[in-house]
Protein backbone atom coordinates (compact mmCIF):
# COMPACT_ATOMS: atom_id res chain seq x y z
CA MET A 1 69.69 127.07 82.18
CA LYS A 2 70.82 130.58 81.22
CA LEU A 3 73.81 131.95 82.86
CA ARG A 4 74.28 135.41 84.05
CA ARG A 5 75.47 137.75 81.14
CA LEU A 6 77.37 140.80 81.69
CA SER A 7 79.00 143.43 79.36
CA THR A 8 81.86 145.93 80.00
CA ARG A 9 79.79 148.53 78.18
CA SER A 10 77.02 148.47 80.67
CA PRO A 11 77.11 151.56 83.10
CA GLY A 12 76.91 149.27 86.33
CA PHE A 13 79.39 146.69 85.08
CA ASP A 14 82.19 147.48 87.67
CA ALA A 15 79.66 147.09 90.61
CA GLU A 16 78.18 143.75 89.16
CA LEU A 17 81.66 142.24 88.65
CA ALA A 18 82.73 143.29 92.14
CA ALA A 19 79.77 141.61 93.70
CA LEU A 20 79.94 138.50 91.58
CA THR A 21 83.67 137.98 92.20
CA ARG A 22 83.68 138.86 95.88
CA TYR A 23 84.08 135.87 98.11
CA ASP A 24 83.36 136.39 101.81
CA ALA A 25 84.80 133.59 103.78
CA ALA A 26 82.19 134.22 106.53
CA ARG A 27 83.53 133.02 109.91
CA ASP A 28 80.74 130.93 111.31
CA ALA A 29 80.73 131.64 115.14
CA ALA A 30 79.54 128.24 116.01
CA VAL A 31 82.27 126.49 113.96
CA GLU A 32 84.78 128.71 115.59
CA GLN A 33 83.56 127.89 119.07
CA ALA A 34 83.41 124.14 118.22
CA VAL A 35 86.87 124.02 116.86
CA ARG A 36 88.38 125.94 119.69
CA ALA A 37 86.89 123.43 122.22
CA ILE A 38 88.26 120.51 120.34
CA LEU A 39 91.65 122.03 119.99
CA ALA A 40 91.80 122.77 123.67
CA ASP A 41 90.50 119.31 124.72
CA VAL A 42 93.17 117.64 122.29
CA ARG A 43 95.88 119.80 123.91
CA ALA A 44 94.91 118.80 127.26
CA ARG A 45 93.98 114.96 126.82
CA GLY A 46 95.89 113.99 123.75
CA ASP A 47 95.07 110.71 122.09
CA ALA A 48 92.11 110.01 124.38
CA ALA A 49 90.29 113.22 123.07
CA VAL A 50 91.36 112.38 119.41
CA LEU A 51 89.71 108.99 119.72
CA GLU A 52 86.61 110.23 121.38
CA TYR A 53 85.87 112.86 118.58
CA SER A 54 86.81 110.58 115.80
CA ARG A 55 84.15 107.97 117.16
CA ARG A 56 81.67 110.87 117.40
CA PHE A 57 82.32 112.55 114.17
CA ASP A 58 83.84 109.99 111.95
CA ARG A 59 82.11 106.80 113.21
CA VAL A 60 85.74 105.30 113.78
CA SER A 61 85.58 102.60 116.45
CA ALA A 62 89.29 102.31 116.92
CA ARG A 63 90.67 102.10 120.44
CA SER A 64 94.12 103.28 119.36
CA MET A 65 95.71 105.49 116.71
CA ALA A 66 97.46 102.71 114.87
CA GLU A 67 99.17 103.55 111.58
CA LEU A 68 97.72 102.40 108.45
CA GLU A 69 99.19 100.12 105.77
CA MET A 70 100.34 101.70 102.55
CA ALA A 71 102.23 99.18 100.67
CA SER A 72 99.27 96.63 100.46
CA SER A 73 97.04 99.24 99.00
CA LYS A 74 98.87 99.12 95.51
CA ALA A 75 97.60 95.57 95.06
CA LYS A 76 93.93 96.66 95.56
CA ILE A 77 93.56 99.21 92.83
CA GLU A 78 93.27 98.47 88.97
CA GLU A 79 96.55 98.43 87.15
CA LYS A 80 95.22 101.11 84.79
CA LEU A 81 94.82 103.42 87.90
CA ALA A 82 98.18 102.55 89.23
CA ALA A 83 99.97 103.23 85.94
CA ALA A 84 98.16 106.78 85.82
CA LEU A 85 99.15 107.51 89.29
CA ARG A 86 102.91 106.51 88.53
CA LEU A 87 102.81 108.69 85.35
CA ALA A 88 101.29 111.80 87.28
CA HIS A 89 103.82 111.21 90.18
CA GLU A 90 106.79 111.30 87.70
CA ARG A 91 105.65 114.39 86.01
CA ILE A 92 104.79 116.24 89.10
CA ARG A 93 108.24 115.15 90.75
CA ARG A 94 110.22 116.25 87.76
CA PHE A 95 108.63 119.60 87.57
CA HIS A 96 109.23 120.17 91.50
CA GLU A 97 112.75 119.11 91.44
CA LYS A 98 113.38 122.27 89.26
CA GLN A 99 112.05 124.42 92.20
CA LEU A 100 114.77 123.22 94.73
CA GLN A 101 116.68 126.40 96.21
CA GLN A 102 120.33 126.00 97.10
CA SER A 103 122.34 127.77 99.73
CA TRP A 104 124.61 130.30 98.78
CA ASP A 105 127.38 132.89 100.31
CA TYR A 106 129.80 135.50 99.33
CA SER A 107 132.67 137.09 100.95
CA GLU A 108 133.52 140.91 101.26
CA GLY A 109 136.97 142.51 101.05
CA ASP A 110 137.50 142.71 104.68
CA GLY A 111 136.88 138.95 105.41
CA THR A 112 133.32 139.18 106.30
CA HIS A 113 131.26 136.36 105.12
CA LEU A 114 127.46 136.40 104.52
CA GLY A 115 124.94 133.94 103.05
CA GLN A 116 121.73 132.10 103.15
CA ARG A 117 121.35 128.57 104.25
CA ILE A 118 118.45 126.48 102.79
CA THR A 119 117.30 123.73 104.88
CA PRO A 120 114.08 121.44 104.74
CA LEU A 121 111.48 121.25 107.43
CA GLU A 122 111.82 118.49 109.91
CA ARG A 123 108.20 117.06 110.02
CA VAL A 124 105.11 117.97 108.11
CA GLY A 125 101.50 117.01 108.67
CA LEU A 126 99.38 116.34 105.53
CA TYR A 127 95.54 116.34 106.03
CA VAL A 128 93.53 114.25 103.22
CA PRO A 129 89.87 114.30 103.51
CA GLY A 130 88.00 110.88 103.69
CA GLY A 131 85.14 109.26 101.76
CA LYS A 132 84.02 110.75 98.45
CA ALA A 133 86.27 113.82 99.00
CA ALA A 134 89.35 111.87 99.00
CA TYR A 135 91.59 112.54 96.08
CA PRO A 136 94.84 110.88 95.23
CA SER A 137 95.93 113.82 93.04
CA SER A 138 95.74 116.09 96.16
CA VAL A 139 98.07 113.43 98.06
CA LEU A 140 100.60 113.61 95.18
CA MET A 141 100.32 117.50 94.73
CA ASN A 142 101.07 118.00 98.57
CA ALA A 143 103.45 115.27 99.31
CA VAL A 144 105.66 115.39 96.32
CA PRO A 145 107.18 118.82 96.94
CA ALA A 146 107.55 118.15 100.56
CA LYS A 147 109.73 115.03 99.84
CA VAL A 148 111.52 116.79 97.05
CA ALA A 149 112.39 119.56 99.43
CA GLY A 150 113.80 116.89 101.73
CA VAL A 151 111.22 116.99 104.53
CA HIS A 152 112.47 114.27 107.00
CA GLU A 153 109.09 112.86 108.02
CA LEU A 154 105.79 113.32 106.32
CA ILE A 155 102.79 112.23 108.32
CA MET A 156 99.45 112.18 106.57
CA VAL A 157 96.11 111.99 108.53
CA SER A 158 92.91 110.95 106.93
CA PRO A 159 89.64 109.39 108.19
CA ASN A 160 88.77 106.02 106.39
CA PRO A 161 91.25 106.70 103.39
CA ASN A 162 90.34 104.50 100.38
CA PRO A 163 92.94 102.28 98.71
CA LEU A 164 93.61 104.66 95.89
CA VAL A 165 94.66 107.46 98.37
CA LEU A 166 96.86 105.00 100.35
CA ALA A 167 98.52 103.98 97.07
CA ALA A 168 99.29 107.46 96.23
CA ALA A 169 100.66 108.19 99.61
CA ALA A 170 103.06 105.13 99.25
CA LEU A 171 104.14 106.42 96.03
CA ALA A 172 104.72 109.75 96.99
CA GLY A 173 106.89 108.85 99.99
CA VAL A 174 104.57 109.52 102.88
CA ASP A 175 106.22 108.09 106.05
CA ARG A 176 103.20 107.47 108.12
CA VAL A 177 99.36 107.39 107.77
CA ILE A 178 97.10 107.85 110.72
CA GLY A 179 93.50 107.10 110.27
CA ILE A 180 92.05 110.27 111.91
CA GLY A 181 90.36 113.28 110.46
CA GLY A 182 88.52 116.56 111.29
CA ALA A 183 89.79 119.35 113.56
CA GLN A 184 91.02 116.80 116.15
CA ALA A 185 93.55 115.52 113.66
CA VAL A 186 94.68 119.16 112.92
CA ALA A 187 95.05 119.56 116.81
CA ALA A 188 96.94 116.14 117.13
CA LEU A 189 99.49 117.40 114.33
CA ALA A 190 99.72 121.04 115.74
CA TYR A 191 100.23 120.08 119.55
CA GLY A 192 101.48 116.52 119.38
CA THR A 193 99.82 113.70 121.31
CA GLN A 194 101.07 110.16 122.63
CA SER A 195 100.84 108.75 119.23
CA VAL A 196 101.08 111.73 116.71
CA PRO A 197 104.31 113.74 116.90
CA ARG A 198 104.01 117.50 116.63
CA VAL A 199 104.68 118.78 113.13
CA ASP A 200 106.29 122.11 111.92
CA LYS A 201 103.74 122.62 109.29
CA ILE A 202 100.32 121.27 108.15
CA VAL A 203 99.07 121.27 104.55
CA GLY A 204 96.09 119.77 102.64
CA PRO A 205 92.59 120.54 102.07
CA GLY A 206 89.57 119.71 104.34
CA ASN A 207 86.03 120.90 105.37
CA VAL A 208 85.15 124.12 107.12
CA TYR A 209 86.17 122.55 110.54
CA VAL A 210 89.50 121.57 109.25
CA ALA A 211 89.95 125.06 107.72
CA GLU A 212 89.05 126.75 110.84
CA ALA A 213 91.30 124.46 112.79
CA LYS A 214 94.26 125.40 110.46
CA ARG A 215 93.39 128.97 110.92
CA GLN A 216 93.38 128.69 114.70
CA VAL A 217 96.68 126.69 114.99
CA PHE A 218 98.57 129.02 112.71
CA GLY A 219 101.50 130.39 114.70
CA GLU A 220 101.87 127.12 116.68
CA VAL A 221 102.65 125.70 113.17
CA GLY A 222 102.89 126.75 109.79
CA ILE A 223 99.87 126.17 107.29
CA ASP A 224 99.85 126.18 103.60
CA MET A 225 96.66 128.48 103.03
CA VAL A 226 93.05 128.79 104.07
CA ALA A 227 91.68 128.29 100.45
CA GLY A 228 88.34 129.48 99.07
CA PRO A 229 86.16 127.70 96.57
CA SER A 230 87.77 126.56 93.29
CA GLU A 231 87.81 129.15 90.28
CA ILE A 232 88.26 129.18 86.57
CA LEU A 233 88.36 132.05 84.26
CA VAL A 234 88.65 131.56 80.52
CA ILE A 235 89.56 134.12 77.96
CA SER A 236 88.45 133.16 74.48
CA ASP A 237 89.01 134.80 71.15
CA GLY A 238 85.94 133.07 69.78
CA HIS A 239 87.63 130.29 67.84
CA THR A 240 87.71 127.47 70.38
CA PRO A 241 84.97 124.91 70.05
CA ALA A 242 82.14 126.09 72.50
CA ASP A 243 81.63 122.46 73.81
CA TRP A 244 85.19 122.30 74.98
CA LEU A 245 84.94 125.67 76.99
CA ALA A 246 81.48 124.62 78.24
CA MET A 247 83.09 121.53 79.85
CA ASP A 248 86.03 123.52 81.12
CA LEU A 249 83.45 125.70 83.13
CA PHE A 250 81.88 122.59 84.22
CA SER A 251 85.17 121.06 85.50
CA GLN A 252 85.54 123.74 88.34
CA ALA A 253 81.75 124.26 88.89
CA GLU A 254 81.44 120.43 89.71
CA HIS A 255 83.54 120.89 92.83
CA ASP A 256 81.05 122.62 94.84
CA GLU A 257 78.08 125.16 94.65
CA SER A 258 80.37 127.89 95.79
CA ALA A 259 82.90 127.34 92.75
CA GLN A 260 83.29 130.10 90.29
CA ALA A 261 83.31 129.84 86.42
CA LEU A 262 83.75 133.01 84.20
CA LEU A 263 84.06 133.31 80.37
CA LEU A 264 85.45 136.46 78.94
CA SER A 265 85.25 137.14 75.20
CA PRO A 266 84.78 139.98 72.73
CA ASP A 267 82.77 137.66 70.43
CA VAL A 268 79.12 137.84 71.06
CA ARG A 269 78.12 134.99 68.76
CA HIS A 270 80.88 132.85 70.52
CA ILE A 271 79.48 133.66 74.08
CA ASN A 272 75.90 132.51 72.59
CA ALA A 273 77.52 129.39 71.32
CA VAL A 274 78.79 128.65 74.75
CA GLN A 275 75.60 129.24 76.45
CA SER A 276 73.91 126.72 73.83
CA ALA A 277 76.65 124.16 74.76
CA ILE A 278 76.11 124.59 78.44
CA GLU A 279 72.35 123.95 78.05
CA ARG A 280 73.00 120.98 75.68
CA LEU A 281 75.62 119.27 77.79
CA LEU A 282 74.52 119.76 81.29
CA ALA A 283 71.84 117.10 81.38
CA ASP A 284 74.28 114.22 80.95
CA MET A 285 76.65 115.43 83.70
CA PRO A 286 76.46 113.17 86.81
CA ARG A 287 77.17 116.26 89.07
CA ARG A 288 74.79 118.44 87.06
CA ASP A 289 72.97 119.59 90.32
CA THR A 290 76.17 120.98 91.91
CA ILE A 291 77.33 122.45 88.45
CA ALA A 292 74.12 124.17 87.85
CA ALA A 293 73.82 125.60 91.30
CA SER A 294 77.46 126.90 90.96
CA LEU A 295 76.87 128.35 87.61
CA LEU A 296 73.74 130.21 88.64
CA ALA A 297 75.18 131.50 91.86
CA ARG A 298 78.72 132.61 90.68
CA GLY A 299 78.88 131.85 87.00
CA ALA A 300 78.89 134.55 84.16
CA LEU A 301 79.58 135.08 80.56
CA ILE A 302 81.15 138.49 80.10
CA GLU A 303 81.34 140.30 76.79
CA THR A 304 84.49 142.59 76.78
CA ARG A 305 85.45 145.24 74.07
CA ASP A 306 88.66 143.28 73.16
CA LEU A 307 91.12 140.78 74.46
CA ASP A 308 93.14 143.53 75.93
CA GLU A 309 90.21 144.32 78.14
CA ALA A 310 89.68 140.79 78.92
CA CYS A 311 93.28 140.64 80.18
CA ALA A 312 92.77 143.68 82.32
CA LEU A 313 89.64 142.27 83.90
CA ALA A 314 91.37 138.88 84.53
CA ASN A 315 94.30 140.81 86.45
CA ARG A 316 91.57 142.46 88.50
CA ILE A 317 89.90 139.24 89.37
CA ALA A 318 93.06 137.25 89.89
CA PRO A 319 91.67 133.87 89.38
CA GLU A 320 92.97 130.54 90.69
CA HIS A 321 92.90 128.99 87.01
CA LEU A 322 93.06 131.07 83.85
CA GLU A 323 92.65 129.56 80.33
CA LEU A 324 93.98 131.84 77.68
CA SER A 325 92.16 130.11 74.84
CA VAL A 326 93.37 132.38 71.90
CA GLU A 327 95.76 132.37 68.92
CA GLU A 328 99.40 132.88 69.92
CA PRO A 329 98.70 132.82 73.69
CA ARG A 330 102.40 133.54 74.46
CA ALA A 331 101.97 136.96 72.88
CA TRP A 332 99.24 137.76 75.40
CA LEU A 333 101.01 136.16 78.49
CA PRO A 334 103.06 139.27 79.46
CA LYS A 335 99.60 141.20 79.98
CA LEU A 336 98.54 138.68 82.71
CA ARG A 337 99.94 139.39 86.25
CA ASN A 338 97.66 137.91 88.62
CA ALA A 339 96.73 134.14 88.27
CA GLY A 340 97.45 130.91 90.27
CA ALA A 341 98.15 128.96 87.21
CA VAL A 342 97.77 130.21 83.39
CA PHE A 343 96.91 127.60 80.66
CA LEU A 344 97.99 128.67 77.28
CA GLY A 345 96.32 127.79 74.06
CA ARG A 346 93.18 125.68 73.18
CA TRP A 347 94.73 122.42 74.00
CA SER A 348 95.57 123.40 77.57
CA SER A 349 92.47 122.26 79.73
CA GLU A 350 92.60 122.99 83.35
CA ALA A 351 91.79 119.38 83.93
CA ILE A 352 95.14 118.24 82.76
CA GLY A 353 96.72 120.81 85.30
CA ASP A 354 94.79 119.26 88.09
CA TYR A 355 96.14 115.78 87.50
CA CYS A 356 99.42 115.40 85.57
CA ALA A 357 101.00 118.28 83.76
CA GLY A 358 103.32 118.78 86.60
CA PRO A 359 102.97 122.11 88.20
CA ASN A 360 101.09 122.04 91.54
CA HIS A 361 97.34 122.23 91.76
CA VAL A 362 97.28 123.70 95.23
CA LEU A 363 96.72 127.35 94.02
CA PRO A 364 95.60 130.73 95.79
CA THR A 365 91.95 131.48 95.44
CA ALA A 366 89.51 134.44 96.19
CA GLY A 367 91.73 137.13 94.66
CA THR A 368 94.74 136.14 96.64
CA ALA A 369 96.94 135.29 93.45
CA ARG A 370 97.46 138.93 93.60
CA PHE A 371 100.09 138.37 96.25
CA SER A 372 100.24 134.52 96.85
CA SER A 373 101.80 131.52 94.71
CA PRO A 374 101.06 127.82 94.13
CA LEU A 375 102.16 125.50 96.69
CA GLY A 376 105.70 124.32 95.92
CA VAL A 377 109.05 123.05 97.28
CA TYR A 378 109.74 126.32 98.57
CA ASP A 379 106.96 126.04 101.21
CA PHE A 380 108.74 123.16 102.56
CA GLN A 381 112.17 124.82 103.03
CA LYS A 382 113.50 127.40 105.35
CA ARG A 383 115.90 130.14 104.78
CA THR A 384 118.35 131.08 107.43
CA SER A 385 120.84 133.91 107.10
CA ILE A 386 124.38 133.30 107.97
CA ILE A 387 126.59 136.28 109.18
CA GLU A 388 130.21 136.01 109.75
CA VAL A 389 131.98 139.43 110.65
CA SER A 390 135.61 139.81 110.45
CA ARG A 391 137.73 141.74 113.00
CA ALA A 392 137.97 144.62 110.40
CA GLY A 393 134.22 144.38 109.62
CA ALA A 394 133.40 144.70 113.32
CA GLU A 395 135.00 148.15 113.20
CA SER A 396 133.55 149.51 110.00
CA LEU A 397 130.15 147.95 110.45
CA GLY A 398 130.16 148.53 114.17
CA ARG A 399 130.42 152.33 113.64
CA ILE A 400 127.56 152.43 111.23
CA SER A 401 125.51 150.25 113.66
CA SER A 402 126.30 152.45 116.72
CA VAL A 403 125.18 155.54 115.03
CA LEU A 404 121.90 154.08 113.69
CA ALA A 405 121.35 152.44 117.22
CA GLU A 406 121.83 155.79 118.93
CA GLY A 407 119.39 157.38 116.49
CA GLU A 408 116.88 154.83 117.37
CA GLY A 409 117.53 155.44 121.25
CA LEU A 410 118.87 151.95 121.75
CA SER A 411 122.00 152.40 123.67
CA ALA A 412 122.69 148.83 124.54
CA HIS A 413 122.71 147.98 120.75
CA ALA A 414 125.25 150.85 120.20
CA ARG A 415 127.43 149.82 123.03
CA SER A 416 127.33 146.19 122.02
CA ALA A 417 128.82 147.20 118.50
CA GLU A 418 131.17 149.64 120.10
CA MET A 419 132.80 147.18 122.55
CA ARG A 420 134.17 145.31 119.35
CA PHE A 421 136.22 148.10 117.91
CA LYS A 422 137.11 150.46 120.97
């Protein structure tokens, strides 16, 4: 299988790159309409509607929305898996503990006190897909920062979760697990039902119906993001084994046919070697059909003039994952401004970041790394401004406020400030 080859020296390169990296999250009118109807029905009928849709879409025969048992699931998984979960959990927790923000304040000379208070969200909903798409790593990455932040109640919803997912939920401190999924589960979390309390924020991945439901309930509740397909961009100086890089590209391409995998290098012989490695290794991959479809649709091997140009292109693309597979990667890091996560050096595979390095694997996609950040503890904390004006401050600050308020034509604002010093 031959990947698309691009060169920055080609006259039409910029247009080709723009077309390749553009991801249009096309809004399906039928999906939007179906989700809107489900949300309205759940809002009106509560549990009855959720159970009706669950029986129809998830083939769940439950007559009530009972909570699922997490503790017993630990005994149902192999010790090797349990040990790996524990080690991953510890590393993820340790990293996120460093993100905790603290409240602060200060005093001015006239006795006015100003500050910012940091408090955790009260209740958060975590959506976890069911069946083959249920990943315990996603449970850890979403639940751990929430609990580190101090979220009082974390409610997980998932249709038919497997024991590994339930074990991860127990380990991460999830408070309740309810066996529902789809847009109806998002509606239950957003609006509340007889069995599901209303949450303040909904996080976690899902299919197009779940993503659309999160989009539509935003404003009623907070959401983490509406994520696009997985992405990896590798910058190589030509000295990393070609087989390693081929497999790194596969690691994201195997997620789905819309995923994107790009290699940037100034070394043509190296690019040829990676192409050969892709052809040789693909046949043995269990998800080779998905990988091939992804690489053909959105993958590319890109020849750059030098590593400086490769870094400039990476900033333009703003990928979810960026592997800097070069000598002295820290010397090149300052040139990189836009990426969800940067993996430094030849030994830093993106796959390790997905599971147990420690930083969160919930990352901005589709170029949004230009202005967005990875999921973190800060997503589960609120910042409240604290303002305590002294009697002396009421006069000095009141005069400033009065002038500005009159300038804006807001006389009640001006008089409110003036009454405290006249």
